[in-house]
Amino acid sequence: MTVDHSVRLRDCPACVRDNRQEPLQLFSQDQWQLKSCANCKFVYLENAPAYEELREHLAWEKSFDRERDRRQQAEPILQWIDTVATRTRKKLFRRKKLLKLVDDHFIGGNVLDVGCGAGKHLAMLPRKYIPHGIEASVALAVAASHITAPRGGFIASHNALAALRQLQRDRFSGIIMHSYLEHEVNPKEVLSAALRVLRTEGAIIIKVPNYASLNRRIRGRKWCGFRFPDHVNYFTPQSLRQLLHDTGYRIIRMSFQDRLPTSDNMWAVAAKARSGAAAC
């Protein structure tokens, strides 16, 4: 039998239950097996791409372009409306929500963007922050290094779990995971590793697609949050809260406005639990 080394079969990334005998979810596509955990109900891609695939053939800058082109061909009118709406929002709300959350919850010093891409968010950080990043794509990591190096920061071109485990404990006053956790095959381990490098008074900002959104229920398999195979985790507000709690965090902001049922995305800000839960 030929073994496909480009994918790995996963147990539930939230509670480690083996769901191989459970039925596929309705929204599974092609060979990609979407499962809902029989124990904790977490929704995830069971046969997720290996890190090497995400680093090379499924790097974000490649998969994003492919998905954009596919949607443009499938629904050109809807994509035009979405593009116009996005541009309008940017003109009306020039102050990014991410920067507002950074101002409200990060003290000055070292900030780490996990899955930083080409460094767009790091470039927007005020001068009181020293920007650092982790990015699996070699090409994007090189681009981001041109932003961080002049300000005393670095970019680690590696998978997030390996990179975080090599960093100094309590090094960062803030960690950003913007549109990242949905791509991570080991989300629980990565959050635990991030907790170790986060300072006691620091905070982590997370943005992920909202699987509980009304749009997902209405659009079905055409929902914009479905991106196979590079989206491997599908969070609801409840499952994100639980995962943060299980990995030693306390939620400091996740208001109704941060998880609107009408929004395809949701936000959370968390800090170390006061009990001082241990991290890996």
C-alpha atoms as a PDB file:
ATOM      1  CA  MET A   1       0.000   0.000   0.000  1.00  0.00           C
ATOM      2  CA  THR A   2       1.288   3.465  -0.910  1.00  0.00           C
ATOM      3  CA  VAL A   3       1.499   5.894   1.990  1.00  0.00           C
ATOM      4  CA  ASP A   4       0.787   9.553   1.236  1.00  0.00           C
ATOM      5  CA  HIS A   5       3.388  11.445   3.248  1.00  0.00           C
ATOM      6  CA  SER A   6       1.914  14.815   2.240  1.00  0.00           C
ATOM      7  CA  VAL A   7      -0.970  14.396   4.722  1.00  0.00           C
ATOM      8  CA  ARG A   8      -1.330  13.232   8.301  1.00  0.00           C
ATOM      9  CA  LEU A   9      -4.378  11.691   9.975  1.00  0.00           C
ATOM     10  CA  ARG A  10      -5.291  13.630  13.117  1.00  0.00           C
ATOM     11  CA  ASP A  11      -7.227  12.815  16.218  1.00  0.00           C
ATOM     12  CA  CYS A  12      -9.366  15.690  17.470  1.00  0.00           C
ATOM     13  CA  PRO A  13      -6.898  18.564  18.046  1.00  0.00           C
ATOM     14  CA  ALA A  14      -8.962  19.789  21.007  1.00  0.00           C
ATOM     15  CA  CYS A  15      -9.542  16.607  23.061  1.00  0.00           C
ATOM     16  CA  VAL A  16      -7.413  13.989  21.228  1.00  0.00           C
ATOM     17  CA  ARG A  17     -10.313  11.639  20.511  1.00  0.00           C
ATOM     18  CA  ASP A  18      -9.923   9.242  17.567  1.00  0.00           C
ATOM     19  CA  ASN A  19     -12.871  10.000  15.254  1.00  0.00           C
ATOM     20  CA  ARG A  20     -11.903   7.822  12.314  1.00  0.00           C
ATOM     21  CA  GLN A  21     -15.064   5.746  12.690  1.00  0.00           C
ATOM     22  CA  GLU A  22     -17.288   8.832  12.751  1.00  0.00           C
ATOM     23  CA  PRO A  23     -19.139   9.917   9.589  1.00  0.00           C
ATOM     24  CA  LEU A  24     -17.852  12.710   7.395  1.00  0.00           C
ATOM     25  CA  GLN A  25     -19.392  16.147   7.759  1.00  0.00           C
ATOM     26  CA  LEU A  26     -21.650  17.350   4.976  1.00  0.00           C
ATOM     27  CA  PHE A  27     -19.144  20.024   3.931  1.00  0.00           C
ATOM     28  CA  SER A  28     -16.258  17.636   3.244  1.00  0.00           C
ATOM     29  CA  GLN A  29     -14.887  18.246  -0.256  1.00  0.00           C
ATOM     30  CA  ASP A  30     -13.027  15.953  -2.646  1.00  0.00           C
ATOM     31  CA  GLN A  31     -10.594  13.840  -0.614  1.00  0.00           C
ATOM     32  CA  TRP A  32     -10.609  16.218   2.387  1.00  0.00           C
ATOM     33  CA  GLN A  33     -12.330  14.680   5.420  1.00  0.00           C
ATOM     34  CA  LEU A  34     -14.102  17.162   7.653  1.00  0.00           C
ATOM     35  CA  LYS A  35     -15.085  15.702  11.042  1.00  0.00           C
ATOM     36  CA  SER A  36     -17.007  16.859  14.086  1.00  0.00           C
ATOM     37  CA  CYS A  37     -15.557  15.292  17.230  1.00  0.00           C
ATOM     38  CA  ALA A  38     -18.017  12.876  18.830  1.00  0.00           C
ATOM     39  CA  ASN A  39     -16.760  13.952  22.247  1.00  0.00           C
ATOM     40  CA  CYS A  40     -16.246  17.744  22.230  1.00  0.00           C
ATOM     41  CA  LYS A  41     -17.879  18.661  18.862  1.00  0.00           C
ATOM     42  CA  PHE A  42     -14.778  20.467  17.594  1.00  0.00           C
ATOM     43  CA  VAL A  43     -14.829  20.628  13.763  1.00  0.00           C
ATOM     44  CA  TYR A  44     -11.557  19.867  12.017  1.00  0.00           C
ATOM     45  CA  LEU A  45      -9.930  18.407   8.919  1.00  0.00           C
ATOM     46  CA  GLU A  46      -8.954  14.851   9.777  1.00  0.00           C
ATOM     47  CA  ASN A  47      -6.435  14.310   6.964  1.00  0.00           C
ATOM     48  CA  ALA A  48      -4.492  17.552   7.290  1.00  0.00           C
ATOM     49  CA  PRO A  49      -1.490  18.518   5.131  1.00  0.00           C
ATOM     50  CA  ALA A  50       1.921  17.870   6.665  1.00  0.00           C
ATOM     51  CA  TYR A  51       4.010  20.883   7.705  1.00  0.00           C
ATOM     52  CA  GLU A  52       6.263  20.388   4.694  1.00  0.00           C
ATOM     53  CA  GLU A  53       3.301  20.771   2.332  1.00  0.00           C
ATOM     54  CA  LEU A  54       2.182  23.968   4.064  1.00  0.00           C
ATOM     55  CA  ARG A  55       5.725  25.305   3.832  1.00  0.00           C
ATOM     56  CA  GLU A  56       6.127  24.561   0.121  1.00  0.00           C
ATOM     57  CA  HIS A  57       3.187  23.624  -2.137  1.00  0.00           C
ATOM     58  CA  LEU A  58       0.439  25.053   0.113  1.00  0.00           C
ATOM     59  CA  ALA A  59       2.217  28.209   1.250  1.00  0.00           C
ATOM     60  CA  TRP A  60      -0.272  30.997   1.932  1.00  0.00           C
ATOM     61  CA  GLU A  61       0.766  33.226  -0.965  1.00  0.00           C
ATOM     62  CA  LYS A  62       0.142  30.324  -3.362  1.00  0.00           C
ATOM     63  CA  SER A  63      -3.084  28.891  -1.911  1.00  0.00           C
ATOM     64  CA  PHE A  64      -4.633  32.358  -1.475  1.00  0.00           C
ATOM     65  CA  ASP A  65      -4.153  33.211  -5.142  1.00  0.00           C
ATOM     66  CA  ARG A  66      -5.585  29.858  -6.229  1.00  0.00           C
ATOM     67  CA  GLU A  67      -8.641  30.223  -4.006  1.00  0.00           C
ATOM     68  CA  ARG A  68      -9.248  33.815  -5.128  1.00  0.00           C
ATOM     69  CA  ASP A  69      -9.142  32.771  -8.780  1.00  0.00           C
ATOM     70  CA  ARG A  70     -11.454  29.801  -8.146  1.00  0.00           C
ATOM     71  CA  ARG A  71     -14.068  31.968  -6.442  1.00  0.00           C
ATOM     72  CA  GLN A  72     -13.790  34.631  -9.113  1.00  0.00           C
ATOM     73  CA  GLN A  73     -14.624  32.060 -11.768  1.00  0.00           C
ATOM     74  CA  ALA A  74     -17.392  30.392  -9.746  1.00  0.00           C
ATOM     75  CA  GLU A  75     -19.189  33.539  -8.511  1.00  0.00           C
ATOM     76  CA  PRO A  76     -17.906  36.647 -10.342  1.00  0.00           C
ATOM     77  CA  ILE A  77     -20.766  38.952  -9.296  1.00  0.00           C
ATOM     78  CA  LEU A  78     -20.563  38.006  -5.633  1.00  0.00           C
ATOM     79  CA  GLN A  79     -16.778  38.431  -5.667  1.00  0.00           C
ATOM     80  CA  TRP A  80     -17.147  41.906  -7.219  1.00  0.00           C
ATOM     81  CA  ILE A  81     -19.606  42.905  -4.481  1.00  0.00           C
ATOM     82  CA  ASP A  82     -17.249  41.550  -1.807  1.00  0.00           C
ATOM     83  CA  THR A  83     -14.303  43.490  -3.259  1.00  0.00           C
ATOM     84  CA  VAL A  84     -16.270  46.751  -3.327  1.00  0.00           C
ATOM     85  CA  ALA A  85     -17.526  46.189   0.227  1.00  0.00           C
ATOM     86  CA  THR A  86     -14.006  45.485   1.488  1.00  0.00           C
ATOM     87  CA  ARG A  87     -12.624  48.659  -0.093  1.00  0.00           C
ATOM     88  CA  THR A  88     -15.487  50.702   1.353  1.00  0.00           C
ATOM     89  CA  ARG A  89     -14.881  49.351   4.846  1.00  0.00           C
ATOM     90  CA  LYS A  90     -11.199  50.261   4.611  1.00  0.00           C
ATOM     91  CA  LYS A  91     -12.047  53.830   3.612  1.00  0.00           C
ATOM     92  CA  LEU A  92     -14.639  54.275   6.360  1.00  0.00           C
ATOM     93  CA  PHE A  93     -12.662  52.544   9.110  1.00  0.00           C
ATOM     94  CA  ARG A  94      -9.047  53.410   8.518  1.00  0.00           C
ATOM     95  CA  ARG A  95      -8.016  52.480  12.064  1.00  0.00           C
ATOM     96  CA  LYS A  96      -7.638  48.710  11.999  1.00  0.00           C
ATOM     97  CA  LYS A  97      -9.314  46.720  14.767  1.00  0.00           C
ATOM     98  CA  LEU A  98      -6.077  44.831  15.326  1.00  0.00           C
ATOM     99  CA  LEU A  99      -4.181  48.045  16.102  1.00  0.00           C
ATOM    100  CA  LYS A 100      -6.923  49.167  18.481  1.00  0.00           C
ATOM    101  CA  LEU A 101      -6.664  45.869  20.366  1.00  0.00           C
ATOM    102  CA  VAL A 102      -2.867  46.172  20.421  1.00  0.00           C
ATOM    103  CA  ASP A 103      -3.139  49.682  21.894  1.00  0.00           C
ATOM    104  CA  ASP A 104      -5.622  48.520  24.509  1.00  0.00           C
ATOM    105  CA  HIS A 105      -3.929  45.289  25.623  1.00  0.00           C
ATOM    106  CA  PHE A 106      -0.198  45.285  24.773  1.00  0.00           C
ATOM    107  CA  ILE A 107       2.430  47.099  26.801  1.00  0.00           C
ATOM    108  CA  GLY A 108       5.569  48.243  24.987  1.00  0.00           C
ATOM    109  CA  GLY A 109       8.373  45.872  24.059  1.00  0.00           C
ATOM    110  CA  ASN A 110       8.671  42.657  22.082  1.00  0.00           C
ATOM    111  CA  VAL A 111       5.637  41.626  20.018  1.00  0.00           C
ATOM    112  CA  LEU A 112       5.432  38.318  18.133  1.00  0.00           C
ATOM    113  CA  ASP A 113       3.196  37.751  15.102  1.00  0.00           C
ATOM    114  CA  VAL A 114       2.695  34.012  14.539  1.00  0.00           C
ATOM    115  CA  GLY A 115       2.022  33.352  10.861  1.00  0.00           C
ATOM    116  CA  CYS A 116       3.111  36.893  10.024  1.00  0.00           C
ATOM    117  CA  GLY A 117       3.109  36.528   6.235  1.00  0.00           C
ATOM    118  CA  ALA A 118       5.070  39.324   4.579  1.00  0.00           C
ATOM    119  CA  GLY A 119       4.899  41.420   7.771  1.00  0.00           C
ATOM    120  CA  LYS A 120       1.929  43.678   6.998  1.00  0.00           C
ATOM    121  CA  HIS A 121       0.732  43.802  10.600  1.00  0.00           C
ATOM    122  CA  LEU A 122       4.239  44.113  12.013  1.00  0.00           C
ATOM    123  CA  ALA A 123       4.847  47.146   9.797  1.00  0.00           C
ATOM    124  CA  MET A 124       1.806  48.895  11.317  1.00  0.00           C
ATOM    125  CA  LEU A 125       2.966  48.522  14.933  1.00  0.00           C
ATOM    126  CA  PRO A 126       3.871  51.806  16.665  1.00  0.00           C
ATOM    127  CA  ARG A 127       7.540  52.462  17.408  1.00  0.00           C
ATOM    128  CA  LYS A 128       7.260  51.447  21.075  1.00  0.00           C
ATOM    129  CA  TYR A 129       7.002  47.812  19.928  1.00  0.00           C
ATOM    130  CA  ILE A 130       9.850  45.651  18.641  1.00  0.00           C
ATOM    131  CA  PRO A 131       8.339  43.448  15.902  1.00  0.00           C
ATOM    132  CA  HIS A 132       9.135  39.734  15.581  1.00  0.00           C
ATOM    133  CA  GLY A 133       7.478  37.041  13.512  1.00  0.00           C
ATOM    134  CA  ILE A 134       7.184  33.353  12.690  1.00  0.00           C
ATOM    135  CA  GLU A 135       6.393  32.387   9.105  1.00  0.00           C
ATOM    136  CA  ALA A 136       6.602  28.943   7.479  1.00  0.00           C
ATOM    137  CA  SER A 137       6.740  30.282   3.910  1.00  0.00           C
ATOM    138  CA  VAL A 138      10.359  31.032   3.056  1.00  0.00           C
ATOM    139  CA  ALA A 139       9.488  33.741   0.531  1.00  0.00           C
ATOM    140  CA  LEU A 140       7.173  35.579   2.928  1.00  0.00           C
ATOM    141  CA  ALA A 141       9.647  35.244   5.803  1.00  0.00           C
ATOM    142  CA  VAL A 142      12.333  36.964   3.717  1.00  0.00           C
ATOM    143  CA  ALA A 143       9.939  39.811   2.902  1.00  0.00           C
ATOM    144  CA  ALA A 144       8.949  40.225   6.571  1.00  0.00           C
ATOM    145  CA  SER A 145      12.585  40.306   7.709  1.00  0.00           C
ATOM    146  CA  HIS A 146      13.043  43.592   5.847  1.00  0.00           C
ATOM    147  CA  ILE A 147      10.468  45.080   8.231  1.00  0.00           C
ATOM    148  CA  THR A 148      11.648  43.556  11.506  1.00  0.00           C
ATOM    149  CA  ALA A 149      15.446  43.725  11.153  1.00  0.00           C
ATOM    150  CA  PRO A 150      15.733  47.559  11.091  1.00  0.00           C
ATOM    151  CA  ARG A 151      13.738  47.711  14.335  1.00  0.00           C
ATOM    152  CA  GLY A 152      15.727  45.051  16.193  1.00  0.00           C
ATOM    153  CA  GLY A 153      13.375  42.125  15.609  1.00  0.00           C
ATOM    154  CA  PHE A 154      13.662  38.804  13.802  1.00  0.00           C
ATOM    155  CA  ILE A 155      11.682  36.418  11.613  1.00  0.00           C
ATOM    156  CA  ALA A 156      11.833  32.668  12.289  1.00  0.00           C
ATOM    157  CA  SER A 157      11.240  30.731   9.065  1.00  0.00           C
ATOM    158  CA  HIS A 158       9.952  27.522  10.608  1.00  0.00           C
ATOM    159  CA  ASN A 159       6.722  25.862  11.677  1.00  0.00           C
ATOM    160  CA  ALA A 160       5.255  27.693  14.642  1.00  0.00           C
ATOM    161  CA  LEU A 161       5.495  24.900  17.209  1.00  0.00           C
ATOM    162  CA  ALA A 162       9.204  24.281  16.623  1.00  0.00           C
ATOM    163  CA  ALA A 163       9.978  27.998  16.565  1.00  0.00           C
ATOM    164  CA  LEU A 164       8.052  28.793  19.765  1.00  0.00           C
ATOM    165  CA  ARG A 165       9.763  26.002  21.677  1.00  0.00           C
ATOM    166  CA  GLN A 166      13.153  27.515  20.842  1.00  0.00           C
ATOM    167  CA  LEU A 167      12.292  31.000  22.127  1.00  0.00           C
ATOM    168  CA  GLN A 168      13.111  32.392  25.549  1.00  0.00           C
ATOM    169  CA  ARG A 169      10.457  32.071  28.245  1.00  0.00           C
ATOM    170  CA  ASP A 170       8.518  35.272  29.122  1.00  0.00           C
ATOM    171  CA  ARG A 171      10.063  37.163  26.194  1.00  0.00           C
ATOM    172  CA  PHE A 172       6.992  38.802  24.615  1.00  0.00           C
ATOM    173  CA  SER A 173       4.573  41.397  25.932  1.00  0.00           C
ATOM    174  CA  GLY A 174       2.167  40.619  23.116  1.00  0.00           C
ATOM    175  CA  ILE A 175       1.458  37.785  20.655  1.00  0.00           C
ATOM    176  CA  ILE A 176      -0.669  38.101  17.514  1.00  0.00           C
ATOM    177  CA  MET A 177      -2.363  35.134  15.832  1.00  0.00           C
ATOM    178  CA  HIS A 178      -4.335  36.868  13.077  1.00  0.00           C
ATOM    179  CA  SER A 179      -5.909  34.423  10.599  1.00  0.00           C
ATOM    180  CA  TYR A 180      -3.450  31.768  11.748  1.00  0.00           C
ATOM    181  CA  LEU A 181      -4.971  29.156  14.092  1.00  0.00           C
ATOM    182  CA  GLU A 182      -7.316  27.848  11.409  1.00  0.00           C
ATOM    183  CA  HIS A 183      -4.178  26.730   9.509  1.00  0.00           C
ATOM    184  CA  GLU A 184      -2.326  25.117  12.441  1.00  0.00           C
ATOM    185  CA  VAL A 185      -2.362  21.300  12.621  1.00  0.00           C
ATOM    186  CA  ASN A 186      -1.363  21.436  16.312  1.00  0.00           C
ATOM    187  CA  PRO A 187      -3.404  24.367  17.702  1.00  0.00           C
ATOM    188  CA  LYS A 188      -3.442  23.187  21.316  1.00  0.00           C
ATOM    189  CA  GLU A 189       0.307  22.584  21.428  1.00  0.00           C
ATOM    190  CA  VAL A 190       1.021  25.924  19.744  1.00  0.00           C
ATOM    191  CA  LEU A 191      -1.150  27.850  22.207  1.00  0.00           C
ATOM    192  CA  SER A 192       0.614  26.112  25.101  1.00  0.00           C
ATOM    193  CA  ALA A 193       4.021  26.928  23.631  1.00  0.00           C
ATOM    194  CA  ALA A 194       2.948  30.554  23.101  1.00  0.00           C
ATOM    195  CA  LEU A 195       1.886  30.757  26.753  1.00  0.00           C
ATOM    196  CA  ARG A 196       5.435  29.894  27.803  1.00  0.00           C
ATOM    197  CA  VAL A 197       6.987  32.837  25.913  1.00  0.00           C
ATOM    198  CA  LEU A 198       4.262  35.323  26.944  1.00  0.00           C
ATOM    199  CA  ARG A 199       4.993  37.648  29.842  1.00  0.00           C
ATOM    200  CA  THR A 200       2.710  37.532  32.885  1.00  0.00           C
ATOM    201  CA  GLU A 201       1.292  40.975  32.080  1.00  0.00           C
ATOM    202  CA  GLY A 202       1.146  40.245  28.346  1.00  0.00           C
ATOM    203  CA  ALA A 203      -1.770  39.336  26.075  1.00  0.00           C
ATOM    204  CA  ILE A 204      -2.511  37.324  22.954  1.00  0.00           C
ATOM    205  CA  ILE A 205      -4.842  38.545  20.191  1.00  0.00           C
ATOM    206  CA  ILE A 206      -6.560  35.912  18.038  1.00  0.00           C
ATOM    207  CA  LYS A 207      -8.691  36.246  14.917  1.00  0.00           C
ATOM    208  CA  VAL A 208     -10.214  33.151  13.252  1.00  0.00           C
ATOM    209  CA  PRO A 209     -13.160  32.375  10.954  1.00  0.00           C
ATOM    210  CA  ASN A 210     -16.443  31.915  12.824  1.00  0.00           C
ATOM    211  CA  TYR A 211     -17.897  28.495  11.969  1.00  0.00           C
ATOM    212  CA  ALA A 212     -21.028  29.421  13.934  1.00  0.00           C
ATOM    213  CA  SER A 213     -21.797  32.407  11.695  1.00  0.00           C
ATOM    214  CA  LEU A 214     -25.184  32.764  10.028  1.00  0.00           C
ATOM    215  CA  ASN A 215     -23.453  33.181   6.687  1.00  0.00           C
ATOM    216  CA  ARG A 216     -21.921  29.712   6.995  1.00  0.00           C
ATOM    217  CA  ARG A 217     -25.361  28.239   7.660  1.00  0.00           C
ATOM    218  CA  ILE A 218     -26.882  30.078   4.709  1.00  0.00           C
ATOM    219  CA  ARG A 219     -24.061  29.659   2.194  1.00  0.00           C
ATOM    220  CA  GLY A 220     -23.306  26.038   3.036  1.00  0.00           C
ATOM    221  CA  ARG A 221     -20.320  24.630   1.181  1.00  0.00           C
ATOM    222  CA  LYS A 222     -19.879  27.981  -0.617  1.00  0.00           C
ATOM    223  CA  TRP A 223     -19.035  29.727   2.676  1.00  0.00           C
ATOM    224  CA  CYS A 224     -15.888  31.847   2.379  1.00  0.00           C
ATOM    225  CA  GLY A 225     -14.410  30.206   5.497  1.00  0.00           C
ATOM    226  CA  PHE A 226     -14.055  26.838   3.788  1.00  0.00           C
ATOM    227  CA  ARG A 227     -10.574  26.595   2.276  1.00  0.00           C
ATOM    228  CA  PHE A 228      -9.459  23.042   1.683  1.00  0.00           C
ATOM    229  CA  PRO A 229      -6.930  21.876   2.604  1.00  0.00           C
ATOM    230  CA  ASP A 230      -5.141  24.796   4.267  1.00  0.00           C
ATOM    231  CA  HIS A 231      -7.928  25.599   6.758  1.00  0.00           C
ATOM    232  CA  VAL A 232      -7.684  22.596   9.065  1.00  0.00           C
ATOM    233  CA  ASN A 233      -9.612  23.887  12.124  1.00  0.00           C
ATOM    234  CA  TYR A 234     -13.115  25.400  12.249  1.00  0.00           C
ATOM    235  CA  PHE A 235     -13.777  27.324  15.454  1.00  0.00           C
ATOM    236  CA  THR A 236     -16.992  28.442  17.109  1.00  0.00           C
ATOM    237  CA  PRO A 237     -16.956  30.975  19.965  1.00  0.00           C
ATOM    238  CA  GLN A 238     -17.501  28.100  22.381  1.00  0.00           C
ATOM    239  CA  SER A 239     -14.711  25.896  21.033  1.00  0.00           C
ATOM    240  CA  LEU A 240     -12.222  28.771  20.916  1.00  0.00           C
ATOM    241  CA  ARG A 241     -13.028  29.709  24.510  1.00  0.00           C
ATOM    242  CA  GLN A 242     -12.615  26.095  25.613  1.00  0.00           C
ATOM    243  CA  LEU A 243      -9.301  25.652  23.817  1.00  0.00           C
ATOM    244  CA  LEU A 244      -7.895  28.818  25.393  1.00  0.00           C
ATOM    245  CA  HIS A 245      -9.087  27.705  28.836  1.00  0.00           C
ATOM    246  CA  ASP A 246      -7.592  24.234  28.398  1.00  0.00           C
ATOM    247  CA  THR A 247      -4.194  25.663  27.453  1.00  0.00           C
ATOM    248  CA  GLY A 248      -3.878  27.983  30.462  1.00  0.00           C
ATOM    249  CA  TYR A 249      -5.383  31.279  29.310  1.00  0.00           C
ATOM    250  CA  ARG A 250      -8.146  33.505  30.627  1.00  0.00           C
ATOM    251  CA  ILE A 251     -10.328  35.497  28.255  1.00  0.00           C
ATOM    252  CA  ILE A 252     -10.007  39.243  28.815  1.00  0.00           C
ATOM    253  CA  ARG A 253     -12.037  40.306  25.806  1.00  0.00           C
ATOM    254  CA  MET A 254     -14.492  38.391  23.636  1.00  0.00           C
ATOM    255  CA  SER A 255     -17.561  40.586  23.569  1.00  0.00           C
ATOM    256  CA  PHE A 256     -20.667  40.101  21.455  1.00  0.00           C
ATOM    257  CA  GLN A 257     -19.232  42.652  19.016  1.00  0.00           C
ATOM    258  CA  ASP A 258     -16.142  40.439  18.648  1.00  0.00           C
ATOM    259  CA  ARG A 259     -18.206  37.375  17.678  1.00  0.00           C
ATOM    260  CA  LEU A 260     -21.262  38.695  15.868  1.00  0.00           C
ATOM    261  CA  PRO A 261     -23.391  35.901  14.368  1.00  0.00           C
ATOM    262  CA  THR A 262     -23.518  37.975  11.161  1.00  0.00           C
ATOM    263  CA  SER A 263     -19.717  38.094  10.864  1.00  0.00           C
ATOM    264  CA  ASP A 264     -17.595  35.440   9.173  1.00  0.00           C
ATOM    265  CA  ASN A 265     -14.778  36.139  11.655  1.00  0.00           C
ATOM    266  CA  MET A 266     -14.368  36.446  15.408  1.00  0.00           C
ATOM    267  CA  TRP A 267     -11.791  37.904  17.780  1.00  0.00           C
ATOM    268  CA  ALA A 268     -10.511  37.019  21.234  1.00  0.00           C
ATOM    269  CA  VAL A 269      -7.963  38.592  23.573  1.00  0.00           C
ATOM    270  CA  ALA A 270      -6.530  36.407  26.323  1.00  0.00           C
ATOM    271  CA  ALA A 271      -3.840  36.480  29.000  1.00  0.00           C
ATOM    272  CA  LYS A 272      -2.175  33.964  31.274  1.00  0.00           C
ATOM    273  CA  ALA A 273      -4.595  32.413  33.735  1.00  0.00           C
ATOM    274  CA  ARG A 274      -4.065  33.769  37.221  1.00  0.00           C
ATOM    275  CA  SER A 275      -3.551  30.224  38.500  1.00  0.00           C
ATOM    276  CA  GLY A 276      -0.252  30.140  36.571  1.00  0.00           C
ATOM    277  CA  ALA A 277      -1.084  27.013  34.588  1.00  0.00           C
ATOM    278  CA  ALA A 278       1.970  25.258  33.296  1.00  0.00           C
ATOM    279  CA  ALA A 279       2.854  25.348  29.605  1.00  0.00           C
ATOM    280  CA  CYS A 280       4.780  22.858  27.529  1.00  0.00           C
END
